[in-house]
PDB file of N, CA and C in Angstrom:
ATOM      1  N   MET A   1       0.850  -1.189   0.000  1.00  0.00           N
ATOM      2  CA  MET A   1       0.000   0.000   0.000  1.00  0.00           C
ATOM      3  C   MET A   1       0.888   1.241   0.000  1.00  0.00           C
ATOM      4  N   HIS A   2       0.643   2.159  -0.911  1.00  0.00           N
ATOM      5  CA  HIS A   2       1.423   3.391  -0.986  1.00  0.00           C
ATOM      6  C   HIS A   2       0.548   4.542  -0.500  1.00  0.00           C
ATOM      7  N   ILE A   3       1.104   5.345   0.380  1.00  0.00           N
ATOM      8  CA  ILE A   3       0.388   6.483   0.945  1.00  0.00           C
ATOM      9  C   ILE A   3       0.960   7.759   0.339  1.00  0.00           C
ATOM     10  N   ASN A   4       0.076   8.679   0.006  1.00  0.00           N
ATOM     11  CA  ASN A   4       0.469   9.976  -0.519  1.00  0.00           C
ATOM     12  C   ASN A   4       1.400  10.658   0.492  1.00  0.00           C
ATOM     13  N   PRO A   5       2.557  11.142   0.040  1.00  0.00           N
ATOM     14  CA  PRO A   5       3.514  11.748   0.979  1.00  0.00           C
ATOM     15  C   PRO A   5       2.936  12.958   1.719  1.00  0.00           C
ATOM     16  N   PHE A   6       2.093  13.730   1.061  1.00  0.00           N
ATOM     17  CA  PHE A   6       1.506  14.893   1.718  1.00  0.00           C
ATOM     18  C   PHE A   6       0.529  14.469   2.810  1.00  0.00           C
ATOM     19  N   GLU A   7      -0.211  13.399   2.559  1.00  0.00           N
ATOM     20  CA  GLU A   7      -1.098  12.876   3.596  1.00  0.00           C
ATOM     21  C   GLU A   7      -0.283  12.337   4.767  1.00  0.00           C
ATOM     22  N   ALA A   8       0.812  11.664   4.467  1.00  0.00           N
ATOM     23  CA  ALA A   8       1.650  11.113   5.528  1.00  0.00           C
ATOM     24  C   ALA A   8       2.219  12.217   6.410  1.00  0.00           C
ATOM     25  N   LEU A   9       2.592  13.341   5.817  1.00  0.00           N
ATOM     26  CA  LEU A   9       3.201  14.428   6.577  1.00  0.00           C
ATOM     27  C   LEU A   9       2.185  15.448   7.091  1.00  0.00           C
ATOM     28  N   SER A  10       0.913  15.240   6.777  1.00  0.00           N
ATOM     29  CA  SER A  10      -0.102  16.203   7.194  1.00  0.00           C
ATOM     30  C   SER A  10      -0.388  16.148   8.692  1.00  0.00           C
ATOM     31  N   ASP A  11      -0.069  15.038   9.326  1.00  0.00           N
ATOM     32  CA  ASP A  11      -0.349  14.879  10.745  1.00  0.00           C
ATOM     33  C   ASP A  11       0.775  15.489  11.584  1.00  0.00           C
ATOM     34  N   PRO A  12       0.459  16.329  12.566  1.00  0.00           N
ATOM     35  CA  PRO A  12       1.497  16.962  13.378  1.00  0.00           C
ATOM     36  C   PRO A  12       2.367  15.967  14.148  1.00  0.00           C
ATOM     37  N   THR A  13       1.794  14.868  14.603  1.00  0.00           N
ATOM     38  CA  THR A  13       2.592  13.871  15.320  1.00  0.00           C
ATOM     39  C   THR A  13       3.594  13.216  14.384  1.00  0.00           C
ATOM     40  N   ARG A  14       3.194  12.932  13.151  1.00  0.00           N
ATOM     41  CA  ARG A  14       4.135  12.338  12.203  1.00  0.00           C
ATOM     42  C   ARG A  14       5.236  13.324  11.846  1.00  0.00           C
ATOM     43  N   ARG A  15       4.898  14.610  11.737  1.00  0.00           N
ATOM     44  CA  ARG A  15       5.944  15.604  11.480  1.00  0.00           C
ATOM     45  C   ARG A  15       6.908  15.683  12.665  1.00  0.00           C
ATOM     46  N   LEU A  16       6.409  15.561  13.879  1.00  0.00           N
ATOM     47  CA  LEU A  16       7.263  15.550  15.066  1.00  0.00           C
ATOM     48  C   LEU A  16       8.186  14.329  15.053  1.00  0.00           C
ATOM     49  N   ILE A  17       7.658  13.188  14.636  1.00  0.00           N
ATOM     50  CA  ILE A  17       8.480  11.975  14.523  1.00  0.00           C
ATOM     51  C   ILE A  17       9.576  12.185  13.481  1.00  0.00           C
ATOM     52  N   VAL A  18       9.231  12.773  12.347  1.00  0.00           N
ATOM     53  CA  VAL A  18      10.227  13.055  11.302  1.00  0.00           C
ATOM     54  C   VAL A  18      11.297  13.999  11.857  1.00  0.00           C
ATOM     55  N   GLU A  19      10.882  15.035  12.579  1.00  0.00           N
ATOM     56  CA  GLU A  19      11.851  15.959  13.177  1.00  0.00           C
ATOM     57  C   GLU A  19      12.766  15.234  14.165  1.00  0.00           C
ATOM     58  N   THR A  20      12.197  14.330  14.941  1.00  0.00           N
ATOM     59  CA  THR A  20      12.994  13.558  15.894  1.00  0.00           C
ATOM     60  C   THR A  20      14.026  12.706  15.170  1.00  0.00           C
ATOM     61  N   LEU A  21      13.640  12.127  14.042  1.00  0.00           N
ATOM     62  CA  LEU A  21      14.537  11.251  13.293  1.00  0.00           C
ATOM     63  C   LEU A  21      15.573  12.026  12.476  1.00  0.00           C
ATOM     64  N   ARG A  22      15.420  13.326  12.363  1.00  0.00           N
ATOM     65  CA  ARG A  22      16.439  14.142  11.680  1.00  0.00           C
ATOM     66  C   ARG A  22      17.771  14.053  12.392  1.00  0.00           C
ATOM     67  N   GLN A  23      17.729  13.780  13.687  1.00  0.00           N
ATOM     68  CA  GLN A  23      18.952  13.679  14.481  1.00  0.00           C
ATOM     69  C   GLN A  23      19.643  12.348  14.273  1.00  0.00           C
ATOM     70  N   GLY A  24      19.026  11.450  13.534  1.00  0.00           N
ATOM     71  CA  GLY A  24      19.620  10.146  13.268  1.00  0.00           C
ATOM     72  C   GLY A  24      18.726   9.012  13.735  1.00  0.00           C
ATOM     73  N   GLU A  25      19.219   7.826  13.553  1.00  0.00           N
ATOM     74  CA  GLU A  25      18.488   6.613  13.892  1.00  0.00           C
ATOM     75  C   GLU A  25      18.104   6.620  15.378  1.00  0.00           C
ATOM     76  N   ARG A  26      16.860   6.232  15.668  1.00  0.00           N
ATOM     77  CA  ARG A  26      16.347   6.253  17.037  1.00  0.00           C
ATOM     78  C   ARG A  26      15.537   5.004  17.337  1.00  0.00           C
ATOM     79  N   PRO A  27      15.630   4.526  18.593  1.00  0.00           N
ATOM     80  CA  PRO A  27      14.747   3.439  19.011  1.00  0.00           C
ATOM     81  C   PRO A  27      13.340   3.993  19.269  1.00  0.00           C
ATOM     82  N   VAL A  28      12.359   3.116  19.224  1.00  0.00           N
ATOM     83  CA  VAL A  28      10.975   3.520  19.433  1.00  0.00           C
ATOM     84  C   VAL A  28      10.814   4.247  20.765  1.00  0.00           C
ATOM     85  N   SER A  29      11.508   3.797  21.787  1.00  0.00           N
ATOM     86  CA  SER A  29      11.363   4.422  23.111  1.00  0.00           C
ATOM     87  C   SER A  29      11.725   5.905  23.078  1.00  0.00           C
ATOM     88  N   ASP A  30      12.754   6.284  22.327  1.00  0.00           N
ATOM     89  CA  ASP A  30      13.116   7.701  22.194  1.00  0.00           C
ATOM     90  C   ASP A  30      12.014   8.482  21.483  1.00  0.00           C
ATOM     91  N   ILE A  31      11.449   7.873  20.461  1.00  0.00           N
ATOM     92  CA  ILE A  31      10.393   8.538  19.691  1.00  0.00           C
ATOM     93  C   ILE A  31       9.151   8.712  20.560  1.00  0.00           C
ATOM     94  N   VAL A  32       8.821   7.694  21.350  1.00  0.00           N
ATOM     95  CA  VAL A  32       7.672   7.770  22.267  1.00  0.00           C
ATOM     96  C   VAL A  32       7.882   8.924  23.243  1.00  0.00           C
ATOM     97  N   ALA A  33       9.084   9.032  23.799  1.00  0.00           N
ATOM     98  CA  ALA A  33       9.377  10.107  24.751  1.00  0.00           C
ATOM     99  C   ALA A  33       9.214  11.479  24.114  1.00  0.00           C
ATOM    100  N   LYS A  34       9.667  11.645  22.886  1.00  0.00           N
ATOM    101  CA  LYS A  34       9.554  12.937  22.191  1.00  0.00           C
ATOM    102  C   LYS A  34       8.117  13.251  21.796  1.00  0.00           C
ATOM    103  N   ALA A  35       7.387  12.227  21.329  1.00  0.00           N
ATOM    104  CA  ALA A  35       6.030  12.439  20.824  1.00  0.00           C
ATOM    105  C   ALA A  35       5.027  12.672  21.950  1.00  0.00           C
ATOM    106  N   GLY A  36       5.302  12.106  23.114  1.00  0.00           N
ATOM    107  CA  GLY A  36       4.392  12.300  24.234  1.00  0.00           C
ATOM    108  C   GLY A  36       3.088  11.538  24.114  1.00  0.00           C
ATOM    109  N   ILE A  37       3.075  10.474  23.313  1.00  0.00           N
ATOM    110  CA  ILE A  37       1.885   9.626  23.195  1.00  0.00           C
ATOM    111  C   ILE A  37       2.308   8.181  23.457  1.00  0.00           C
ATOM    112  N   HIS A  38       1.314   7.315  23.639  1.00  0.00           N
ATOM    113  CA  HIS A  38       1.593   5.910  23.928  1.00  0.00           C
ATOM    114  C   HIS A  38       2.340   5.244  22.771  1.00  0.00           C
ATOM    115  N   GLN A  39       3.050   4.177  23.094  1.00  0.00           N
ATOM    116  CA  GLN A  39       3.825   3.455  22.092  1.00  0.00           C
ATOM    117  C   GLN A  39       2.940   2.934  20.962  1.00  0.00           C
ATOM    118  N   SER A  40       1.713   2.527  21.284  1.00  0.00           N
ATOM    119  CA  SER A  40       0.826   2.027  20.226  1.00  0.00           C
ATOM    120  C   SER A  40       0.526   3.121  19.203  1.00  0.00           C
ATOM    121  N   GLY A  41       0.373   4.361  19.670  1.00  0.00           N
ATOM    122  CA  GLY A  41       0.137   5.481  18.753  1.00  0.00           C
ATOM    123  C   GLY A  41       1.359   5.776  17.910  1.00  0.00           C
ATOM    124  N   VAL A  42       2.529   5.759  18.545  1.00  0.00           N
ATOM    125  CA  VAL A  42       3.767   5.992  17.800  1.00  0.00           C
ATOM    126  C   VAL A  42       3.963   4.896  16.758  1.00  0.00           C
ATOM    127  N   SER A  43       3.687   3.653  17.147  1.00  0.00           N
ATOM    128  CA  SER A  43       3.837   2.534  16.206  1.00  0.00           C
ATOM    129  C   SER A  43       2.916   2.708  15.003  1.00  0.00           C
ATOM    130  N   ARG A  44       1.711   3.177  15.240  1.00  0.00           N
ATOM    131  CA  ARG A  44       0.766   3.412  14.128  1.00  0.00           C
ATOM    132  C   ARG A  44       1.307   4.495  13.197  1.00  0.00           C
ATOM    133  N   HIS A  45       1.808   5.588  13.772  1.00  0.00           N
ATOM    134  CA  HIS A  45       2.365   6.670  12.946  1.00  0.00           C
ATOM    135  C   HIS A  45       3.615   6.209  12.204  1.00  0.00           C
ATOM    136  N   LEU A  46       4.455   5.428  12.861  1.00  0.00           N
ATOM    137  CA  LEU A  46       5.649   4.899  12.192  1.00  0.00           C
ATOM    138  C   LEU A  46       5.271   3.971  11.044  1.00  0.00           C
ATOM    139  N   ARG A  47       4.213   3.194  11.211  1.00  0.00           N
ATOM    140  CA  ARG A  47       3.746   2.312  10.129  1.00  0.00           C
ATOM    141  C   ARG A  47       3.325   3.147   8.920  1.00  0.00           C
ATOM    142  N   ILE A  48       2.585   4.216   9.169  1.00  0.00           N
ATOM    143  CA  ILE A  48       2.139   5.088   8.074  1.00  0.00           C
ATOM    144  C   ILE A  48       3.339   5.733   7.387  1.00  0.00           C
ATOM    145  N   LEU A  49       4.290   6.237   8.184  1.00  0.00           N
ATOM    146  CA  LEU A  49       5.490   6.840   7.596  1.00  0.00           C
ATOM    147  C   LEU A  49       6.309   5.816   6.819  1.00  0.00           C
ATOM    148  N   SER A  50       6.330   4.604   7.303  1.00  0.00           N
ATOM    149  CA  SER A  50       7.044   3.532   6.606  1.00  0.00           C
ATOM    150  C   SER A  50       6.357   3.191   5.289  1.00  0.00           C
ATOM    151  N   GLU A  51       5.038   3.069   5.311  1.00  0.00           N
ATOM    152  CA  GLU A  51       4.286   2.768   4.087  1.00  0.00           C
ATOM    153  C   GLU A  51       4.426   3.881   3.053  1.00  0.00           C
ATOM    154  N   ALA A  52       4.610   5.111   3.521  1.00  0.00           N
ATOM    155  CA  ALA A  52       4.804   6.240   2.610  1.00  0.00           C
ATOM    156  C   ALA A  52       6.265   6.340   2.160  1.00  0.00           C
ATOM    157  N   GLY A  53       7.133   5.503   2.730  1.00  0.00           N
ATOM    158  CA  GLY A  53       8.533   5.473   2.314  1.00  0.00           C
ATOM    159  C   GLY A  53       9.450   6.409   3.076  1.00  0.00           C
ATOM    160  N   PHE A  54       8.938   7.098   4.080  1.00  0.00           N
ATOM    161  CA  PHE A  54       9.748   8.084   4.784  1.00  0.00           C
ATOM    162  C   PHE A  54      10.713   7.484   5.797  1.00  0.00           C
ATOM    163  N   VAL A  55      10.366   6.338   6.384  1.00  0.00           N
ATOM    164  CA  VAL A  55      11.232   5.756   7.403  1.00  0.00           C
ATOM    165  C   VAL A  55      11.548   4.307   7.081  1.00  0.00           C
ATOM    166  N   SER A  56      12.690   3.885   7.589  1.00  0.00           N
ATOM    167  CA  SER A  56      13.077   2.477   7.515  1.00  0.00           C
ATOM    168  C   SER A  56      13.252   1.983   8.944  1.00  0.00           C
ATOM    169  N   MET A  57      13.173   0.676   9.117  1.00  0.00           N
ATOM    170  CA  MET A  57      13.331   0.076  10.433  1.00  0.00           C
ATOM    171  C   MET A  57      14.315  -1.071  10.321  1.00  0.00           C
ATOM    172  N   ARG A  58      15.164  -1.175  11.340  1.00  0.00           N
ATOM    173  CA  ARG A  58      16.041  -2.334  11.411  1.00  0.00           C
ATOM    174  C   ARG A  58      16.023  -2.851  12.845  1.00  0.00           C
ATOM    175  N   PRO A  59      15.921  -4.158  12.987  1.00  0.00           N
ATOM    176  CA  PRO A  59      15.962  -4.721  14.341  1.00  0.00           C
ATOM    177  C   PRO A  59      17.385  -4.710  14.878  1.00  0.00           C
ATOM    178  N   ASP A  60      17.505  -4.479  16.171  1.00  0.00           N
ATOM    179  CA  ASP A  60      18.798  -4.511  16.853  1.00  0.00           C
ATOM    180  C   ASP A  60      18.551  -5.168  18.211  1.00  0.00           C
ATOM    181  N   GLY A  61      18.667  -6.482  18.240  1.00  0.00           N
ATOM    182  CA  GLY A  61      18.334  -7.223  19.450  1.00  0.00           C
ATOM    183  C   GLY A  61      16.851  -7.098  19.729  1.00  0.00           C
ATOM    184  N   GLN A  62      16.508  -6.618  20.913  1.00  0.00           N
ATOM    185  CA  GLN A  62      15.105  -6.439  21.288  1.00  0.00           C
ATOM    186  C   GLN A  62      14.517  -5.128  20.758  1.00  0.00           C
ATOM    187  N   GLN A  63      15.363  -4.222  20.300  1.00  0.00           N
ATOM    188  CA  GLN A  63      14.898  -2.910  19.844  1.00  0.00           C
ATOM    189  C   GLN A  63      14.641  -2.886  18.352  1.00  0.00           C
ATOM    190  N   ARG A  64      13.812  -1.961  17.980  1.00  0.00           N
ATOM    191  CA  ARG A  64      13.623  -1.621  16.570  1.00  0.00           C
ATOM    192  C   ARG A  64      14.100  -0.188  16.403  1.00  0.00           C
ATOM    193  N   LEU A  65      15.033  -0.008  15.491  1.00  0.00           N
ATOM    194  CA  LEU A  65      15.600   1.311  15.256  1.00  0.00           C
ATOM    195  C   LEU A  65      15.021   1.889  13.969  1.00  0.00           C
ATOM    196  N   TYR A  66      14.578   3.127  14.054  1.00  0.00           N
ATOM    197  CA  TYR A  66      13.975   3.799  12.909  1.00  0.00           C
ATOM    198  C   TYR A  66      14.877   4.922  12.424  1.00  0.00           C
ATOM    199  N   ALA A  67      14.880   5.124  11.113  1.00  0.00           N
ATOM    200  CA  ALA A  67      15.684   6.178  10.498  1.00  0.00           C
ATOM    201  C   ALA A  67      14.922   6.736   9.302  1.00  0.00           C
ATOM    202  N   LEU A  68      15.262   7.958   8.933  1.00  0.00           N
ATOM    203  CA  LEU A  68      14.668   8.572   7.743  1.00  0.00           C
ATOM    204  C   LEU A  68      15.309   8.003   6.487  1.00  0.00           C
ATOM    205  N   ARG A  69      14.504   7.886   5.449  1.00  0.00           N
ATOM    206  CA  ARG A  69      14.997   7.501   4.130  1.00  0.00           C
ATOM    207  C   ARG A  69      15.051   8.769   3.275  1.00  0.00           C
ATOM    208  N   PRO A  70      16.105   9.005   2.522  1.00  0.00           N
ATOM    209  CA  PRO A  70      16.231  10.261   1.776  1.00  0.00           C
ATOM    210  C   PRO A  70      15.348  10.355   0.523  1.00  0.00           C
ATOM    211  N   GLU A  71      15.008   9.218  -0.071  1.00  0.00           N
ATOM    212  CA  GLU A  71      14.323   9.248  -1.374  1.00  0.00           C
ATOM    213  C   GLU A  71      13.024  10.064  -1.384  1.00  0.00           C
ATOM    214  N   PRO A  72      12.100   9.872  -0.457  1.00  0.00           N
ATOM    215  CA  PRO A  72      10.856  10.651  -0.548  1.00  0.00           C
ATOM    216  C   PRO A  72      11.084  12.150  -0.351  1.00  0.00           C
ATOM    217  N   PHE A  73      12.092  12.511   0.423  1.00  0.00           N
ATOM    218  CA  PHE A  73      12.396  13.932   0.605  1.00  0.00           C
ATOM    219  C   PHE A  73      12.973  14.523  -0.679  1.00  0.00           C
ATOM    220  N   ARG A  74      13.768  13.744  -1.388  1.00  0.00           N
ATOM    221  CA  ARG A  74      14.282  14.198  -2.690  1.00  0.00           C
ATOM    222  C   ARG A  74      13.138  14.379  -3.678  1.00  0.00           C
ATOM    223  N   GLU A  75      12.186  13.437  -3.668  1.00  0.00           N
ATOM    224  CA  GLU A  75      11.034  13.542  -4.559  1.00  0.00           C
ATOM    225  C   GLU A  75      10.211  14.791  -4.248  1.00  0.00           C
ATOM    226  N   LEU A  76       9.984  15.053  -2.964  1.00  0.00           N
ATOM    227  CA  LEU A  76       9.242  16.257  -2.579  1.00  0.00           C
ATOM    228  C   LEU A  76      10.003  17.511  -2.986  1.00  0.00           C
ATOM    229  N   ASP A  77      11.303  17.518  -2.778  1.00  0.00           N
ATOM    230  CA  ASP A  77      12.115  18.670  -3.147  1.00  0.00           C
ATOM    231  C   ASP A  77      12.071  18.903  -4.654  1.00  0.00           C
ATOM    232  N   SER A  78      12.124  17.815  -5.413  1.00  0.00           N
ATOM    233  CA  SER A  78      12.047  17.926  -6.868  1.00  0.00           C
ATOM    234  C   SER A  78      10.700  18.506  -7.299  1.00  0.00           C
ATOM    235  N   TRP A  79       9.633  18.028  -6.681  1.00  0.00           N
ATOM    236  CA  TRP A  79       8.297  18.531  -7.015  1.00  0.00           C
ATOM    237  C   TRP A  79       8.183  20.008  -6.644  1.00  0.00           C
ATOM    238  N   LEU A  80       8.719  20.371  -5.478  1.00  0.00           N
ATOM    239  CA  LEU A  80       8.626  21.750  -5.011  1.00  0.00           C
ATOM    240  C   LEU A  80       9.519  22.704  -5.800  1.00  0.00           C
ATOM    241  N   SER A  81      10.564  22.186  -6.433  1.00  0.00           N
ATOM    242  CA  SER A  81      11.512  23.061  -7.118  1.00  0.00           C
ATOM    243  C   SER A  81      10.848  23.887  -8.213  1.00  0.00           C
ATOM    244  N   GLY A  82       9.869  23.321  -8.897  1.00  0.00           N
ATOM    245  CA  GLY A  82       9.153  24.086  -9.922  1.00  0.00           C
ATOM    246  C   GLY A  82       8.421  25.277  -9.327  1.00  0.00           C
ATOM    247  N   TYR A  83       7.840  25.082  -8.157  1.00  0.00           N
ATOM    248  CA  TYR A  83       7.144  26.172  -7.477  1.00  0.00           C
ATOM    249  C   TYR A  83       8.132  27.171  -6.896  1.00  0.00           C
ATOM    250  N   ARG A  84       9.259  26.664  -6.407  1.00  0.00           N
ATOM    251  CA  ARG A  84      10.301  27.536  -5.872  1.00  0.00           C
ATOM    252  C   ARG A  84      10.802  28.465  -6.975  1.00  0.00           C
ATOM    253  N   GLU A  85      11.035  27.917  -8.171  1.00  0.00           N
ATOM    254  CA  GLU A  85      11.503  28.728  -9.295  1.00  0.00           C
ATOM    255  C   GLU A  85      10.469  29.785  -9.663  1.00  0.00           C
ATOM    256  N   LEU A  86       9.199  29.401  -9.659  1.00  0.00           N
ATOM    257  CA  LEU A  86       8.121  30.338  -9.978  1.00  0.00           C
ATOM    258  C   LEU A  86       8.127  31.504  -8.992  1.00  0.00           C
ATOM    259  N   TRP A  87       8.170  31.196  -7.695  1.00  0.00           N
ATOM    260  CA  TRP A  87       8.116  32.250  -6.680  1.00  0.00           C
ATOM    261  C   TRP A  87       9.393  33.065  -6.650  1.00  0.00           C
ATOM    262  N   GLU A  88      10.536  32.443  -6.875  1.00  0.00           N
ATOM    263  CA  GLU A  88      11.779  33.207  -6.904  1.00  0.00           C
ATOM    264  C   GLU A  88      11.767  34.202  -8.055  1.00  0.00           C
ATOM    265  N   ALA A  89      11.258  33.782  -9.210  1.00  0.00           N
ATOM    266  CA  ALA A  89      11.175  34.691 -10.360  1.00  0.00           C
ATOM    267  C   ALA A  89      10.228  35.850 -10.040  1.00  0.00           C
ATOM    268  N   ARG A  90       9.104  35.539  -9.414  1.00  0.00           N
ATOM    269  CA  ARG A  90       8.162  36.605  -9.044  1.00  0.00           C
ATOM    270  C   ARG A  90       8.781  37.552  -8.025  1.00  0.00           C
ATOM    271  N   LEU A  91       9.477  36.997  -7.050  1.00  0.00           N
ATOM    272  CA  LEU A  91      10.116  37.841  -6.043  1.00  0.00           C
ATOM    273  C   LEU A  91      11.230  38.685  -6.652  1.00  0.00           C
ATOM    274  N   ASP A  92      11.954  38.123  -7.618  1.00  0.00           N
ATOM    275  CA  ASP A  92      12.996  38.900  -8.309  1.00  0.00           C
ATOM    276  C   ASP A  92      12.379  40.089  -9.038  1.00  0.00           C
ATOM    277  N   ARG A  93      11.264  39.847  -9.750  1.00  0.00           N
ATOM    278  CA  ARG A  93      10.582  40.945 -10.456  1.00  0.00           C
ATOM    279  C   ARG A  93      10.058  41.978  -9.465  1.00  0.00           C
ATOM    280  N   PHE A  94       9.512  41.524  -8.355  1.00  0.00           N
ATOM    281  CA  PHE A  94       9.005  42.417  -7.323  1.00  0.00           C
ATOM    282  C   PHE A  94      10.144  43.252  -6.747  1.00  0.00           C
ATOM    283  N   GLY A  95      11.287  42.614  -6.477  1.00  0.00           N
ATOM    284  CA  GLY A  95      12.450  43.327  -5.958  1.00  0.00           C
ATOM    285  C   GLY A  95      12.952  44.373  -6.941  1.00  0.00           C
ATOM    286  N   ALA A  96      12.979  44.023  -8.227  1.00  0.00           N
ATOM    287  CA  ALA A  96      13.418  44.974  -9.246  1.00  0.00           C
ATOM    288  C   ALA A  96      12.458  46.169  -9.309  1.00  0.00           C
ATOM    289  N   ALA A  97      11.157  45.913  -9.206  1.00  0.00           N
ATOM    290  CA  ALA A  97      10.168  46.996  -9.231  1.00  0.00           C
ATOM    291  C   ALA A  97      10.336  47.898  -8.007  1.00  0.00           C
ATOM    292  N   LEU A  98      10.604  47.318  -6.840  1.00  0.00           N
ATOM    293  CA  LEU A  98      10.835  48.126  -5.639  1.00  0.00           C
ATOM    294  C   LEU A  98      12.082  48.978  -5.784  1.00  0.00           C
ATOM    295  N   ASP A  99      13.144  48.374  -6.307  1.00  0.00           N
ATOM    296  CA  ASP A  99      14.385  49.127  -6.507  1.00  0.00           C
ATOM    297  C   ASP A  99      14.153  50.302  -7.447  1.00  0.00           C
ATOM    298  N   LYS A 100      13.403  50.078  -8.518  1.00  0.00           N
ATOM    299  CA  LYS A 100      13.113  51.148  -9.475  1.00  0.00           C
ATOM    300  C   LYS A 100      12.295  52.245  -8.813  1.00  0.00           C
ATOM    301  N   LYS A 101      11.310  51.859  -8.027  1.00  0.00           N
ATOM    302  CA  LYS A 101      10.466  52.848  -7.352  1.00  0.00           C
ATOM    303  C   LYS A 101      11.302  53.674  -6.369  1.00  0.00           C
ATOM    304  N   ARG A 102      12.188  53.013  -5.624  1.00  0.00           N
ATOM    305  CA  ARG A 102      13.062  53.738  -4.689  1.00  0.00           C
ATOM    306  C   ARG A 102      13.987  54.682  -5.439  1.00  0.00           C
ATOM    307  N   SER A 103      14.516  54.199  -6.552  1.00  0.00           N
ATOM    308  CA  SER A 103      15.422  55.003  -7.359  1.00  0.00           C
ATOM    309  C   SER A 103      14.690  56.230  -7.915  1.00  0.00           C
ATOM    310  N   ASP A 104      13.461  56.029  -8.355  1.00  0.00           N
ATOM    311  CA  ASP A 104      12.670  57.144  -8.895  1.00  0.00           C
ATOM    312  C   ASP A 104      12.406  58.194  -7.818  1.00  0.00           C
ATOM    313  N   ARG A 105      12.240  57.777  -6.584  1.00  0.00           N
ATOM    314  CA  ARG A 105      11.970  58.718  -5.487  1.00  0.00           C
ATOM    315  C   ARG A 105      13.208  59.520  -5.109  1.00  0.00           C
ATOM    316  N   THR A 106      14.383  58.895  -5.183  1.00  0.00           N
ATOM    317  CA  THR A 106      15.605  59.565  -4.734  1.00  0.00           C
ATOM    318  C   THR A 106      16.307  60.331  -5.851  1.00  0.00           C
ATOM    319  N   THR A 107      15.967  60.061  -7.089  1.00  0.00           N
ATOM    320  CA  THR A 107      16.591  60.764  -8.204  1.00  0.00           C
ATOM    321  C   THR A 107      15.924  62.136  -8.347  1.00  0.00           C
ATOM    322  N   PRO A 108      16.727  63.202  -8.289  1.00  0.00           N
ATOM    323  CA  PRO A 108      16.114  64.526  -8.424  1.00  0.00           C
ATOM    324  C   PRO A 108      15.500  64.699  -9.817  1.00  0.00           C
ATOM    325  N   LYS A 109      14.363  65.356  -9.813  1.00  0.00           N
ATOM    326  CA  LYS A 109      13.662  65.613 -11.080  1.00  0.00           C
ATOM    327  C   LYS A 109      14.370  66.737 -11.805  1.00  0.00           C
ATOM    328  N   LYS A 110      14.572  66.567 -13.070  1.00  0.00           N
ATOM    329  CA  LYS A 110      15.193  67.612 -13.899  1.00  0.00           C
ATOM    330  C   LYS A 110      14.100  68.576 -14.341  1.00  0.00           C
ATOM    331  N   GLU A 111      14.451  69.827 -14.271  1.00  0.00           N
ATOM    332  CA  GLU A 111      13.513  70.855 -14.752  1.00  0.00           C
ATOM    333  C   GLU A 111      13.563  70.844 -16.281  1.00  0.00           C
ATOM    334  N   PRO A 112      12.418  70.908 -16.922  1.00  0.00           N
ATOM    335  CA  PRO A 112      12.418  70.940 -18.391  1.00  0.00           C
ATOM    336  C   PRO A 112      13.048  72.240 -18.894  1.00  0.00           C
ATOM    337  N   ARG A 113      13.767  72.127 -19.980  1.00  0.00           N
ATOM    338  CA  ARG A 113      14.407  73.308 -20.600  1.00  0.00           C
ATOM    339  C   ARG A 113      13.362  74.120 -21.340  1.00  0.00           C
ATOM    340  N   PRO A 114      13.549  75.454 -21.283  1.00  0.00           N
ATOM    341  CA  PRO A 114      12.595  76.347 -22.012  1.00  0.00           C
ATOM    342  C   PRO A 114      12.822  76.376 -23.480  1.00  0.00           C
TER     343      PRO A 114
END
C-alpha cells in the first residue's frame, strides 16, 4: 500500500516523529518520549510513515531502530523546485520593481528646458 507523501506528513505527530529522526536513527522508546503519546500510537504513525517510504526500520536485538529515508524527501524537493523557481522569479521581479520605485523617489527631477 502506498500512501500519498503529503497525507503522511499532514499529521502533526508524524511531522514531530520526522523531526525527531532528523537527528539520526532512534529506538521507538526515544520517539515515544519525544512524541508524548503511547507506544501504540507511535507505532501506528511509524507504520504510516514507513508505508509512505519516509522511514526504515532495522531490528537490533530487542529494539527496533527507525531512520529517515532520503528518497521521498528528494522527490518532494524535486516537485517543489518548480514552485520555488516560480516564486523566486516573481520575487525577483518584485524586488526589481521596488528598486526602481526607490530610485525614482531619490533621483532629483530635472527641470524641463525652455
